[in-house]
PDB file of N, CA and C in Angstrom:
ATOM      1  N   UNK A   1      11.181   0.483   1.570  1.00  0.00           N
ATOM      2  CA  UNK A   1      10.405  -0.315   2.507  1.00  0.00           C
ATOM      3  C   UNK A   1       8.934  -0.275   2.093  1.00  0.00           C
ATOM      4  N   UNK A   2       8.266  -1.419   2.221  1.00  0.00           N
ATOM      5  CA  UNK A   2       6.836  -1.515   1.894  1.00  0.00           C
ATOM      6  C   UNK A   2       6.047  -2.026   3.086  1.00  0.00           C
ATOM      7  N   UNK A   3       4.779  -1.644   3.118  1.00  0.00           N
ATOM      8  CA  UNK A   3       3.842  -2.120   4.137  1.00  0.00           C
ATOM      9  C   UNK A   3       2.839  -3.055   3.477  1.00  0.00           C
ATOM     10  N   UNK A   4       2.455  -4.102   4.189  1.00  0.00           N
ATOM     11  CA  UNK A   4       1.399  -4.990   3.703  1.00  0.00           C
ATOM     12  C   UNK A   4       0.042  -4.327   3.911  1.00  0.00           C
ATOM     13  N   UNK A   5      -0.844  -4.528   2.939  1.00  0.00           N
ATOM     14  CA  UNK A   5      -2.202  -3.975   2.989  1.00  0.00           C
ATOM     15  C   UNK A   5      -3.175  -5.148   2.995  1.00  0.00           C
ATOM     16  N   UNK A   6      -4.171  -5.080   3.882  1.00  0.00           N
ATOM     17  CA  UNK A   6      -5.111  -6.181   4.066  1.00  0.00           C
ATOM     18  C   UNK A   6      -6.554  -5.698   3.995  1.00  0.00           C
ATOM     19  N   UNK A   7      -7.419  -6.601   3.600  1.00  0.00           N
ATOM     20  CA  UNK A   7      -8.857  -6.437   3.784  1.00  0.00           C
ATOM     21  C   UNK A   7      -9.168  -7.183   5.069  1.00  0.00           C
ATOM     22  N   UNK A   8      -9.672  -6.458   6.056  1.00  0.00           N
ATOM     23  CA  UNK A   8     -10.038  -7.069   7.335  1.00  0.00           C
ATOM     24  C   UNK A   8     -11.549  -7.138   7.444  1.00  0.00           C
ATOM     25  N   UNK A   9     -12.003  -8.212   8.060  1.00  0.00           N
ATOM     26  CA  UNK A   9     -13.432  -8.375   8.344  1.00  0.00           C
ATOM     27  C   UNK A   9     -13.604  -8.426   9.856  1.00  0.00           C
ATOM     28  N   UNK A  10     -14.488  -7.571  10.353  1.00  0.00           N
ATOM     29  CA  UNK A  10     -14.781  -7.503  11.787  1.00  0.00           C
ATOM     30  C   UNK A  10     -16.241  -7.873  12.025  1.00  0.00           C
ATOM     31  N   UNK A  11     -16.533  -8.332  13.223  1.00  0.00           N
ATOM     32  CA  UNK A  11     -17.906  -8.663  13.606  1.00  0.00           C
ATOM     33  C   UNK A  11     -18.769  -7.418  13.428  1.00  0.00           C
ATOM     34  N   UNK A  12     -19.913  -7.587  12.781  1.00  0.00           N
ATOM     35  CA  UNK A  12     -20.838  -6.480  12.573  1.00  0.00           C
ATOM     36  C   UNK A  12     -22.228  -6.850  13.050  1.00  0.00           C
ATOM     37  N   UNK A  13     -23.159  -5.961  12.838  1.00  0.00           N
ATOM     38  CA  UNK A  13     -24.545  -6.229  13.254  1.00  0.00           C
ATOM     39  C   UNK A  13     -25.284  -6.971  12.154  1.00  0.00           C
ATOM     40  N   UNK A  14     -25.839  -6.263  11.209  1.00  0.00           N
ATOM     41  CA  UNK A  14     -26.580  -6.928  10.126  1.00  0.00           C
ATOM     42  C   UNK A  14     -25.625  -7.699   9.219  1.00  0.00           C
ATOM     43  N   UNK A  15     -24.480  -7.090   8.924  1.00  0.00           N
ATOM     44  CA  UNK A  15     -23.429  -7.720   8.112  1.00  0.00           C
ATOM     45  C   UNK A  15     -22.093  -7.418   8.771  1.00  0.00           C
ATOM     46  N   UNK A  16     -21.092  -8.221   8.475  1.00  0.00           N
ATOM     47  CA  UNK A  16     -19.777  -7.951   9.048  1.00  0.00           C
ATOM     48  C   UNK A  16     -19.183  -6.682   8.452  1.00  0.00           C
ATOM     49  N   UNK A  17     -18.317  -6.049   9.232  1.00  0.00           N
ATOM     50  CA  UNK A  17     -17.715  -4.762   8.879  1.00  0.00           C
ATOM     51  C   UNK A  17     -16.401  -4.994   8.144  1.00  0.00           C
ATOM     52  N   UNK A  18     -16.198  -4.324   7.003  1.00  0.00           N
ATOM     53  CA  UNK A  18     -14.967  -4.426   6.225  1.00  0.00           C
ATOM     54  C   UNK A  18     -14.167  -3.135   6.342  1.00  0.00           C
ATOM     55  N   UNK A  19     -12.840  -3.282   6.462  1.00  0.00           N
ATOM     56  CA  UNK A  19     -11.936  -2.135   6.535  1.00  0.00           C
ATOM     57  C   UNK A  19     -10.678  -2.439   5.727  1.00  0.00           C
ATOM     58  N   UNK A  20      -9.963  -1.391   5.368  1.00  0.00           N
ATOM     59  CA  UNK A  20      -8.634  -1.535   4.781  1.00  0.00           C
ATOM     60  C   UNK A  20      -7.644  -1.337   5.922  1.00  0.00           C
ATOM     61  N   UNK A  21      -6.749  -2.300   6.096  1.00  0.00           N
ATOM     62  CA  UNK A  21      -5.759  -2.246   7.169  1.00  0.00           C
ATOM     63  C   UNK A  21      -4.364  -2.239   6.568  1.00  0.00           C
ATOM     64  N   UNK A  22      -3.547  -1.261   6.975  1.00  0.00           N
ATOM     65  CA  UNK A  22      -2.158  -1.186   6.532  1.00  0.00           C
ATOM     66  C   UNK A  22      -1.276  -1.471   7.745  1.00  0.00           C
ATOM     67  N   UNK A  23      -0.515  -2.556   7.662  1.00  0.00           N
ATOM     68  CA  UNK A  23       0.367  -2.944   8.767  1.00  0.00           C
ATOM     69  C   UNK A  23       1.646  -2.122   8.688  1.00  0.00           C
ATOM     70  N   UNK A  24       1.816  -1.201   9.634  1.00  0.00           N
ATOM     71  CA  UNK A  24       2.975  -0.306   9.633  1.00  0.00           C
ATOM     72  C   UNK A  24       3.950  -0.613  10.759  1.00  0.00           C
ATOM     73  N   UNK A  25       3.575  -1.502  11.660  1.00  0.00           N
ATOM     74  CA  UNK A  25       4.410  -1.791  12.827  1.00  0.00           C
ATOM     75  C   UNK A  25       4.872  -3.241  12.806  1.00  0.00           C
ATOM     76  N   UNK A  26       6.064  -3.489  13.320  1.00  0.00           N
ATOM     77  CA  UNK A  26       6.625  -4.846  13.314  1.00  0.00           C
ATOM     78  C   UNK A  26       5.826  -5.813  14.184  1.00  0.00           C
ATOM     79  N   UNK A  27       5.076  -5.297  15.167  1.00  0.00           N
ATOM     80  CA  UNK A  27       4.255  -6.166  16.019  1.00  0.00           C
ATOM     81  C   UNK A  27       2.918  -6.523  15.375  1.00  0.00           C
ATOM     82  N   UNK A  28       2.667  -6.038  14.158  1.00  0.00           N
ATOM     83  CA  UNK A  28       1.420  -6.340  13.456  1.00  0.00           C
ATOM     84  C   UNK A  28       0.392  -5.230  13.508  1.00  0.00           C
ATOM     85  N   UNK A  29       0.659  -4.170  14.256  1.00  0.00           N
ATOM     86  CA  UNK A  29      -0.263  -3.040  14.329  1.00  0.00           C
ATOM     87  C   UNK A  29      -0.155  -2.156  13.095  1.00  0.00           C
ATOM     88  N   UNK A  30      -1.059  -1.192  13.010  1.00  0.00           N
ATOM     89  CA  UNK A  30      -1.031  -0.308  11.855  1.00  0.00           C
ATOM     90  C   UNK A  30      -2.176   0.677  11.867  1.00  0.00           C
ATOM     91  N   UNK A  31      -2.733   0.928  10.682  1.00  0.00           N
ATOM     92  CA  UNK A  31      -3.811   1.901  10.526  1.00  0.00           C
ATOM     93  C   UNK A  31      -4.976   1.295   9.762  1.00  0.00           C
ATOM     94  N   UNK A  32      -6.177   1.697  10.171  1.00  0.00           N
ATOM     95  CA  UNK A  32      -7.412   1.290   9.496  1.00  0.00           C
ATOM     96  C   UNK A  32      -7.962   2.499   8.744  1.00  0.00           C
ATOM     97  N   UNK A  33      -8.418   2.240   7.528  1.00  0.00           N
ATOM     98  CA  UNK A  33      -9.153   3.219   6.725  1.00  0.00           C
ATOM     99  C   UNK A  33     -10.528   2.614   6.509  1.00  0.00           C
ATOM    100  N   UNK A  34     -11.581   3.341   6.890  1.00  0.00           N
ATOM    101  CA  UNK A  34     -12.923   2.766   6.857  1.00  0.00           C
ATOM    102  C   UNK A  34     -13.983   3.851   6.779  1.00  0.00           C
ATOM    103  N   UNK A  35     -15.211   3.406   6.551  1.00  0.00           N
ATOM    104  CA  UNK A  35     -16.377   4.241   6.795  1.00  0.00           C
ATOM    105  C   UNK A  35     -17.113   3.602   7.962  1.00  0.00           C
ATOM    106  N   UNK A  36     -17.632   4.431   8.844  1.00  0.00           N
ATOM    107  CA  UNK A  36     -18.261   3.929  10.061  1.00  0.00           C
ATOM    108  C   UNK A  36     -19.573   4.659  10.325  1.00  0.00           C
ATOM    109  N   UNK A  37     -20.331   4.167  11.245  1.00  0.00           N
ATOM    110  CA  UNK A  37     -21.669   4.563  11.673  1.00  0.00           C
ATOM    111  C   UNK A  37     -22.665   3.675  10.948  1.00  0.00           C
ATOM    112  N   UNK A  38     -23.842   4.193  10.619  1.00  0.00           N
ATOM    113  CA  UNK A  38     -24.849   3.307  10.025  1.00  0.00           C
ATOM    114  C   UNK A  38     -25.687   4.032   8.981  1.00  0.00           C
ATOM    115  N   UNK A  39     -26.451   3.248   8.231  1.00  0.00           N
ATOM    116  CA  UNK A  39     -27.234   3.821   7.132  1.00  0.00           C
ATOM    117  C   UNK A  39     -28.498   4.531   7.618  1.00  0.00           C
ATOM    118  N   UNK A  40     -28.791   4.445   8.907  1.00  0.00           N
ATOM    119  CA  UNK A  40     -29.896   5.221   9.481  1.00  0.00           C
ATOM    120  C   UNK A  40     -29.472   6.678   9.688  1.00  0.00           C
ATOM    121  N   UNK A  41     -28.211   6.882  10.092  1.00  0.00           N
ATOM    122  CA  UNK A  41     -27.708   8.229  10.386  1.00  0.00           C
ATOM    123  C   UNK A  41     -26.899   8.815   9.239  1.00  0.00           C
ATOM    124  N   UNK A  42     -26.316   7.960   8.443  1.00  0.00           N
ATOM    125  CA  UNK A  42     -25.341   8.385   7.444  1.00  0.00           C
ATOM    126  C   UNK A  42     -23.970   7.923   7.894  1.00  0.00           C
ATOM    127  N   UNK A  43     -23.146   7.587   6.957  1.00  0.00           N
ATOM    128  CA  UNK A  43     -21.852   6.982   7.250  1.00  0.00           C
ATOM    129  C   UNK A  43     -20.764   8.021   7.013  1.00  0.00           C
ATOM    130  N   UNK A  44     -19.689   7.962   7.796  1.00  0.00           N
ATOM    131  CA  UNK A  44     -18.598   8.931   7.686  1.00  0.00           C
ATOM    132  C   UNK A  44     -17.255   8.217   7.561  1.00  0.00           C
ATOM    133  N   UNK A  45     -16.294   8.882   6.910  1.00  0.00           N
ATOM    134  CA  UNK A  45     -14.950   8.344   6.771  1.00  0.00           C
ATOM    135  C   UNK A  45     -14.235   8.380   8.120  1.00  0.00           C
ATOM    136  N   UNK A  46     -13.391   7.368   8.368  1.00  0.00           N
ATOM    137  CA  UNK A  46     -12.633   7.286   9.614  1.00  0.00           C
ATOM    138  C   UNK A  46     -11.270   6.669   9.328  1.00  0.00           C
ATOM    139  N   UNK A  47     -10.249   7.160   9.992  1.00  0.00           N
ATOM    140  CA  UNK A  47      -8.873   6.671   9.863  1.00  0.00           C
ATOM    141  C   UNK A  47      -8.300   6.647  11.273  1.00  0.00           C
ATOM    142  N   UNK A  48      -7.772   5.497  11.690  1.00  0.00           N
ATOM    143  CA  UNK A  48      -7.253   5.422  13.061  1.00  0.00           C
ATOM    144  C   UNK A  48      -6.226   4.305  13.193  1.00  0.00           C
ATOM    145  N   UNK A  49      -5.462   4.373  14.286  1.00  0.00           N
ATOM    146  CA  UNK A  49      -4.522   3.305  14.617  1.00  0.00           C
ATOM    147  C   UNK A  49      -5.312   2.048  14.956  1.00  0.00           C
ATOM    148  N   UNK A  50      -4.682   0.900  14.701  1.00  0.00           N
ATOM    149  CA  UNK A  50      -5.361  -0.366  14.981  1.00  0.00           C
ATOM    150  C   UNK A  50      -4.380  -1.379  15.550  1.00  0.00           C
ATOM    151  N   UNK A  51      -4.909  -2.239  16.388  1.00  0.00           N
ATOM    152  CA  UNK A  51      -4.135  -3.332  16.977  1.00  0.00           C
ATOM    153  C   UNK A  51      -3.843  -4.392  15.921  1.00  0.00           C
ATOM    154  N   UNK A  52      -2.863  -5.243  16.197  1.00  0.00           N
ATOM    155  CA  UNK A  52      -2.681  -6.416  15.333  1.00  0.00           C
ATOM    156  C   UNK A  52      -3.955  -7.255  15.335  1.00  0.00           C
ATOM    157  N   UNK A  53      -4.223  -7.949  14.251  1.00  0.00           N
ATOM    158  CA  UNK A  53      -5.464  -8.728  14.152  1.00  0.00           C
ATOM    159  C   UNK A  53      -5.595  -9.727  15.292  1.00  0.00           C
ATOM    160  N   UNK A  54      -4.491 -10.329  15.712  1.00  0.00           N
ATOM    161  CA  UNK A  54      -4.560 -11.338  16.775  1.00  0.00           C
ATOM    162  C   UNK A  54      -4.932 -10.737  18.129  1.00  0.00           C
ATOM    163  N   UNK A  55      -4.779  -9.428  18.295  1.00  0.00           N
ATOM    164  CA  UNK A  55      -5.146  -8.760  19.544  1.00  0.00           C
ATOM    165  C   UNK A  55      -6.527  -8.117  19.483  1.00  0.00           C
ATOM    166  N   UNK A  56      -7.112  -8.060  18.311  1.00  0.00           N
ATOM    167  CA  UNK A  56      -8.431  -7.451  18.149  1.00  0.00           C
ATOM    168  C   UNK A  56      -9.512  -8.434  18.579  1.00  0.00           C
ATOM    169  N   UNK A  57     -10.432  -7.973  19.386  1.00  0.00           N
ATOM    170  CA  UNK A  57     -11.525  -8.831  19.855  1.00  0.00           C
ATOM    171  C   UNK A  57     -12.600  -9.020  18.796  1.00  0.00           C
ATOM    172  N   UNK A  58     -12.610  -8.166  17.767  1.00  0.00           N
ATOM    173  CA  UNK A  58     -13.674  -8.242  16.765  1.00  0.00           C
ATOM    174  C   UNK A  58     -13.202  -8.698  15.390  1.00  0.00           C
ATOM    175  N   UNK A  59     -11.892  -8.802  15.170  1.00  0.00           N
ATOM    176  CA  UNK A  59     -11.374  -9.170  13.846  1.00  0.00           C
ATOM    177  C   UNK A  59     -11.616 -10.654  13.577  1.00  0.00           C
ATOM    178  N   UNK A  60     -12.322 -10.933  12.489  1.00  0.00           N
ATOM    179  CA  UNK A  60     -12.625 -12.317  12.106  1.00  0.00           C
ATOM    180  C   UNK A  60     -11.622 -12.867  11.105  1.00  0.00           C
ATOM    181  N   UNK A  61     -11.162 -12.007  10.189  1.00  0.00           N
ATOM    182  CA  UNK A  61     -10.219 -12.463   9.170  1.00  0.00           C
ATOM    183  C   UNK A  61      -9.439 -11.278   8.625  1.00  0.00           C
ATOM    184  N   UNK A  62      -8.326 -11.617   7.987  1.00  0.00           N
ATOM    185  CA  UNK A  62      -7.457 -10.603   7.402  1.00  0.00           C
ATOM    186  C   UNK A  62      -6.835 -11.220   6.158  1.00  0.00           C
ATOM    187  N   UNK A  63      -7.132 -10.650   4.982  1.00  0.00           N
ATOM    188  CA  UNK A  63      -6.639 -11.175   3.708  1.00  0.00           C
ATOM    189  C   UNK A  63      -5.721 -10.141   3.059  1.00  0.00           C
ATOM    190  N   UNK A  64      -4.501 -10.556   2.742  1.00  0.00           N
ATOM    191  CA  UNK A  64      -3.557  -9.631   2.113  1.00  0.00           C
ATOM    192  C   UNK A  64      -4.035  -9.298   0.703  1.00  0.00           C
ATOM    193  N   UNK A  65      -4.082  -7.986   0.405  1.00  0.00           N
ATOM    194  CA  UNK A  65      -4.533  -7.551  -0.922  1.00  0.00           C
ATOM    195  C   UNK A  65      -3.451  -6.796  -1.684  1.00  0.00           C
ATOM    196  N   UNK A  66      -2.311  -6.534  -1.034  1.00  0.00           N
ATOM    197  CA  UNK A  66      -1.236  -5.849  -1.731  1.00  0.00           C
ATOM    198  C   UNK A  66      -0.233  -5.240  -0.779  1.00  0.00           C
ATOM    199  N   UNK A  67       0.580  -4.329  -1.317  1.00  0.00           N
ATOM    200  CA  UNK A  67       1.565  -3.594  -0.528  1.00  0.00           C
ATOM    201  C   UNK A  67       1.539  -2.131  -0.951  1.00  0.00           C
ATOM    202  N   UNK A  68       2.070  -1.283  -0.086  1.00  0.00           N
ATOM    203  CA  UNK A  68       2.232   0.138  -0.391  1.00  0.00           C
ATOM    204  C   UNK A  68       3.607   0.544   0.129  1.00  0.00           C
ATOM    205  N   UNK A  69       4.322   1.342  -0.639  1.00  0.00           N
ATOM    206  CA  UNK A  69       5.626   1.797  -0.170  1.00  0.00           C
ATOM    207  C   UNK A  69       5.436   2.790   0.971  1.00  0.00           C
ATOM    208  N   UNK A  70       6.444   2.857   1.824  1.00  0.00           N
ATOM    209  CA  UNK A  70       6.391   3.810   2.935  1.00  0.00           C
ATOM    210  C   UNK A  70       6.207   5.231   2.401  1.00  0.00           C
ATOM    211  N   UNK A  71       6.845   5.535   1.282  1.00  0.00           N
ATOM    212  CA  UNK A  71       6.736   6.872   0.683  1.00  0.00           C
ATOM    213  C   UNK A  71       5.315   7.188   0.223  1.00  0.00           C
ATOM    214  N   UNK A  72       4.558   6.171  -0.169  1.00  0.00           N
ATOM    215  CA  UNK A  72       3.189   6.383  -0.663  1.00  0.00           C
ATOM    216  C   UNK A  72       2.113   6.173   0.397  1.00  0.00           C
ATOM    217  N   UNK A  73       2.492   5.758   1.600  1.00  0.00           N
ATOM    218  CA  UNK A  73       1.502   5.494   2.650  1.00  0.00           C
ATOM    219  C   UNK A  73       0.601   6.699   2.899  1.00  0.00           C
ATOM    220  N   UNK A  74       1.181   7.894   2.986  1.00  0.00           N
ATOM    221  CA  UNK A  74       0.380   9.095   3.277  1.00  0.00           C
ATOM    222  C   UNK A  74      -0.636   9.416   2.190  1.00  0.00           C
ATOM    223  N   UNK A  75      -0.450   8.889   0.997  1.00  0.00           N
ATOM    224  CA  UNK A  75      -1.396   9.141  -0.095  1.00  0.00           C
ATOM    225  C   UNK A  75      -2.691   8.350   0.072  1.00  0.00           C
ATOM    226  N   UNK A  76      -2.657   7.258   0.835  1.00  0.00           N
ATOM    227  CA  UNK A  76      -3.846   6.405   0.970  1.00  0.00           C
ATOM    228  C   UNK A  76      -5.034   7.214   1.465  1.00  0.00           C
ATOM    229  N   UNK A  77      -4.844   7.969   2.539  1.00  0.00           N
ATOM    230  CA  UNK A  77      -5.964   8.720   3.103  1.00  0.00           C
ATOM    231  C   UNK A  77      -6.546   9.701   2.096  1.00  0.00           C
ATOM    232  N   UNK A  78      -5.707  10.435   1.384  1.00  0.00           N
ATOM    233  CA  UNK A  78      -6.240  11.405   0.419  1.00  0.00           C
ATOM    234  C   UNK A  78      -6.975  10.709  -0.721  1.00  0.00           C
ATOM    235  N   UNK A  79      -6.542   9.515  -1.082  1.00  0.00           N
ATOM    236  CA  UNK A  79      -7.223   8.768  -2.152  1.00  0.00           C
ATOM    237  C   UNK A  79      -8.579   8.259  -1.685  1.00  0.00           C
ATOM    238  N   UNK A  80      -8.623   7.584  -0.525  1.00  0.00           N
ATOM    239  CA  UNK A  80      -9.903   7.008  -0.086  1.00  0.00           C
ATOM    240  C   UNK A  80     -10.907   8.090   0.313  1.00  0.00           C
ATOM    241  N   UNK A  81     -10.427   9.253   0.730  1.00  0.00           N
ATOM    242  CA  UNK A  81     -11.351  10.339   1.073  1.00  0.00           C
ATOM    243  C   UNK A  81     -12.034  10.934  -0.152  1.00  0.00           C
ATOM    244  N   UNK A  82     -11.556  10.616  -1.359  1.00  0.00           N
ATOM    245  CA  UNK A  82     -12.246  11.086  -2.566  1.00  0.00           C
ATOM    246  C   UNK A  82     -13.487  10.247  -2.856  1.00  0.00           C
ATOM    247  N   UNK A  83     -13.585   9.083  -2.225  1.00  0.00           N
ATOM    248  CA  UNK A  83     -14.758   8.217  -2.411  1.00  0.00           C
ATOM    249  C   UNK A  83     -15.824   8.620  -1.407  1.00  0.00           C
ATOM    250  N   UNK A  84     -16.969   9.077  -1.863  1.00  0.00           N
ATOM    251  CA  UNK A  84     -17.984   9.515  -0.905  1.00  0.00           C
ATOM    252  C   UNK A  84     -18.483   8.352  -0.053  1.00  0.00           C
ATOM    253  N   UNK A  85     -18.620   8.573   1.252  1.00  0.00           N
ATOM    254  CA  UNK A  85     -19.182   7.521   2.094  1.00  0.00           C
ATOM    255  C   UNK A  85     -20.660   7.340   1.773  1.00  0.00           C
ATOM    256  N   UNK A  86     -21.190   6.159   2.032  1.00  0.00           N
ATOM    257  CA  UNK A  86     -22.620   5.951   1.797  1.00  0.00           C
ATOM    258  C   UNK A  86     -23.456   6.964   2.593  1.00  0.00           C
ATOM    259  N   UNK A  87     -24.478   7.534   1.969  1.00  0.00           N
ATOM    260  CA  UNK A  87     -25.300   8.540   2.651  1.00  0.00           C
ATOM    261  C   UNK A  87     -26.326   7.884   3.584  1.00  0.00           C
ATOM    262  N   UNK A  88     -27.048   8.728   4.287  1.00  0.00           N
ATOM    263  CA  UNK A  88     -28.193   8.262   5.066  1.00  0.00           C
ATOM    264  C   UNK A  88     -29.178   7.648   4.076  1.00  0.00           C
ATOM    265  N   UNK A  89     -29.665   6.446   4.379  1.00  0.00           N
ATOM    266  CA  UNK A  89     -30.509   5.733   3.430  1.00  0.00           C
ATOM    267  C   UNK A  89     -31.897   5.389   3.980  1.00  0.00           C
ATOM    268  N   UNK A  90     -32.126   5.734   5.233  1.00  0.00           N
ATOM    269  CA  UNK A  90     -33.422   5.492   5.852  1.00  0.00           C
ATOM    270  C   UNK A  90     -33.859   6.730   6.607  1.00  0.00           C
ATOM    271  N   UNK A  91     -35.155   6.947   6.639  1.00  0.00           N
ATOM    272  CA  UNK A  91     -35.770   7.946   7.493  1.00  0.00           C
ATOM    273  C   UNK A  91     -36.669   7.161   8.427  1.00  0.00           C
ATOM    274  N   UNK A  92     -36.159   6.855   9.623  1.00  0.00           N
ATOM    275  CA  UNK A  92     -36.866   5.914  10.493  1.00  0.00           C
ATOM    276  C   UNK A  92     -36.824   4.549   9.835  1.00  0.00           C
ATOM    277  N   UNK A  93     -37.967   3.841   9.771  1.00  0.00           N
ATOM    278  CA  UNK A  93     -37.973   2.518   9.140  1.00  0.00           C
ATOM    279  C   UNK A  93     -38.137   2.571   7.617  1.00  0.00           C
ATOM    280  N   UNK A  94     -38.339   3.775   7.064  1.00  0.00           N
ATOM    281  CA  UNK A  94     -38.632   3.909   5.635  1.00  0.00           C
ATOM    282  C   UNK A  94     -37.378   4.256   4.831  1.00  0.00           C
ATOM    283  N   UNK A  95     -37.164   3.523   3.729  1.00  0.00           N
ATOM    284  CA  UNK A  95     -36.034   3.812   2.843  1.00  0.00           C
ATOM    285  C   UNK A  95     -36.252   5.147   2.161  1.00  0.00           C
ATOM    286  N   UNK A  96     -35.208   5.940   2.082  1.00  0.00           N
ATOM    287  CA  UNK A  96     -35.292   7.257   1.455  1.00  0.00           C
ATOM    288  C   UNK A  96     -35.455   7.115  -0.052  1.00  0.00           C
ATOM    289  N   UNK A  97     -34.685   6.234  -0.674  1.00  0.00           N
ATOM    290  CA  UNK A  97     -34.791   6.016  -2.112  1.00  0.00           C
ATOM    291  C   UNK A  97     -34.772   4.513  -2.384  1.00  0.00           C
ATOM    292  N   UNK A  98     -35.952   3.872  -2.407  1.00  0.00           N
ATOM    293  CA  UNK A  98     -36.003   2.413  -2.563  1.00  0.00           C
ATOM    294  C   UNK A  98     -35.468   1.905  -3.901  1.00  0.00           C
ATOM    295  N   UNK A  99     -35.319   2.787  -4.892  1.00  0.00           N
ATOM    296  CA  UNK A  99     -34.817   2.362  -6.204  1.00  0.00           C
ATOM    297  C   UNK A  99     -33.293   2.277  -6.266  1.00  0.00           C
ATOM    298  N   UNK A 100     -32.620   2.808  -5.250  1.00  0.00           N
ATOM    299  CA  UNK A 100     -31.156   2.796  -5.212  1.00  0.00           C
ATOM    300  C   UNK A 100     -30.707   1.679  -4.272  1.00  0.00           C
ATOM    301  N   UNK A 101     -29.791   0.814  -4.720  1.00  0.00           N
ATOM    302  CA  UNK A 101     -29.318  -0.268  -3.846  1.00  0.00           C
ATOM    303  C   UNK A 101     -28.667   0.285  -2.575  1.00  0.00           C
ATOM    304  N   UNK A 102     -28.836  -0.430  -1.473  1.00  0.00           N
ATOM    305  CA  UNK A 102     -28.206  -0.032  -0.217  1.00  0.00           C
ATOM    306  C   UNK A 102     -26.688  -0.120  -0.354  1.00  0.00           C
ATOM    307  N   UNK A 103     -26.001   0.851   0.241  1.00  0.00           N
ATOM    308  CA  UNK A 103     -24.523   0.846   0.269  1.00  0.00           C
ATOM    309  C   UNK A 103     -24.074   0.960   1.718  1.00  0.00           C
ATOM    310  N   UNK A 104     -23.184   0.068   2.082  1.00  0.00           N
ATOM    311  CA  UNK A 104     -22.630   0.065   3.434  1.00  0.00           C
ATOM    312  C   UNK A 104     -21.105   0.025   3.328  1.00  0.00           C
ATOM    313  N   UNK A 105     -20.465  -0.307   4.429  1.00  0.00           N
ATOM    314  CA  UNK A 105     -18.997  -0.339   4.464  1.00  0.00           C
ATOM    315  C   UNK A 105     -18.413  -1.335   3.474  1.00  0.00           C
ATOM    316  N   UNK A 106     -19.079  -2.467   3.263  1.00  0.00           N
ATOM    317  CA  UNK A 106     -18.531  -3.479   2.351  1.00  0.00           C
ATOM    318  C   UNK A 106     -18.433  -2.940   0.923  1.00  0.00           C
ATOM    319  N   UNK A 107     -19.441  -2.239   0.473  1.00  0.00           N
ATOM    320  CA  UNK A 107     -19.432  -1.681  -0.881  1.00  0.00           C
ATOM    321  C   UNK A 107     -18.392  -0.562  -1.006  1.00  0.00           C
ATOM    322  N   UNK A 108     -18.319   0.308   0.019  1.00  0.00           N
ATOM    323  CA  UNK A 108     -17.338   1.393  -0.009  1.00  0.00           C
ATOM    324  C   UNK A 108     -15.921   0.824  -0.030  1.00  0.00           C
ATOM    325  N   UNK A 109     -15.655  -0.175   0.804  1.00  0.00           N
ATOM    326  CA  UNK A 109     -14.322  -0.776   0.869  1.00  0.00           C
ATOM    327  C   UNK A 109     -13.952  -1.422  -0.460  1.00  0.00           C
ATOM    328  N   UNK A 110     -14.893  -2.112  -1.085  1.00  0.00           N
ATOM    329  CA  UNK A 110     -14.631  -2.730  -2.396  1.00  0.00           C
ATOM    330  C   UNK A 110     -14.273  -1.657  -3.426  1.00  0.00           C
ATOM    331  N   UNK A 111     -14.973  -0.527  -3.408  1.00  0.00           N
ATOM    332  CA  UNK A 111     -14.654   0.575  -4.325  1.00  0.00           C
ATOM    333  C   UNK A 111     -13.261   1.149  -4.030  1.00  0.00           C
ATOM    334  N   UNK A 112     -12.921   1.272  -2.758  1.00  0.00           N
ATOM    335  CA  UNK A 112     -11.629   1.843  -2.367  1.00  0.00           C
ATOM    336  C   UNK A 112     -10.462   0.954  -2.785  1.00  0.00           C
ATOM    337  N   UNK A 113     -10.675  -0.341  -2.732  1.00  0.00           N
ATOM    338  CA  UNK A 113      -9.616  -1.289  -3.116  1.00  0.00           C
ATOM    339  C   UNK A 113      -9.418  -1.233  -4.608  1.00  0.00           C
TER     340      UNK A 113
END
């Protein structure tokens, strides 16, 4: 048995939020793998259950990017946790390192995929 894997886009503040969504339930529900919070505080890894896209109030789109076997589903979390989340990038209104490009959830998700 395989699960469909999607790139989901949710409503965000400055930019829309990207997550990896694995549909594990027949009703369309599943699990989200993401980094959350903001670049003012520092971003952290998060993994949680998620509603089907049609029931989510913030989901804008969902694009299928592949499949994962049920046997390999548990490996996803250990793999994405090896990718460091974007660090704190601002101290108040001032950038901590202006020579380094900003990294948010979209960049982390692209690396994870």
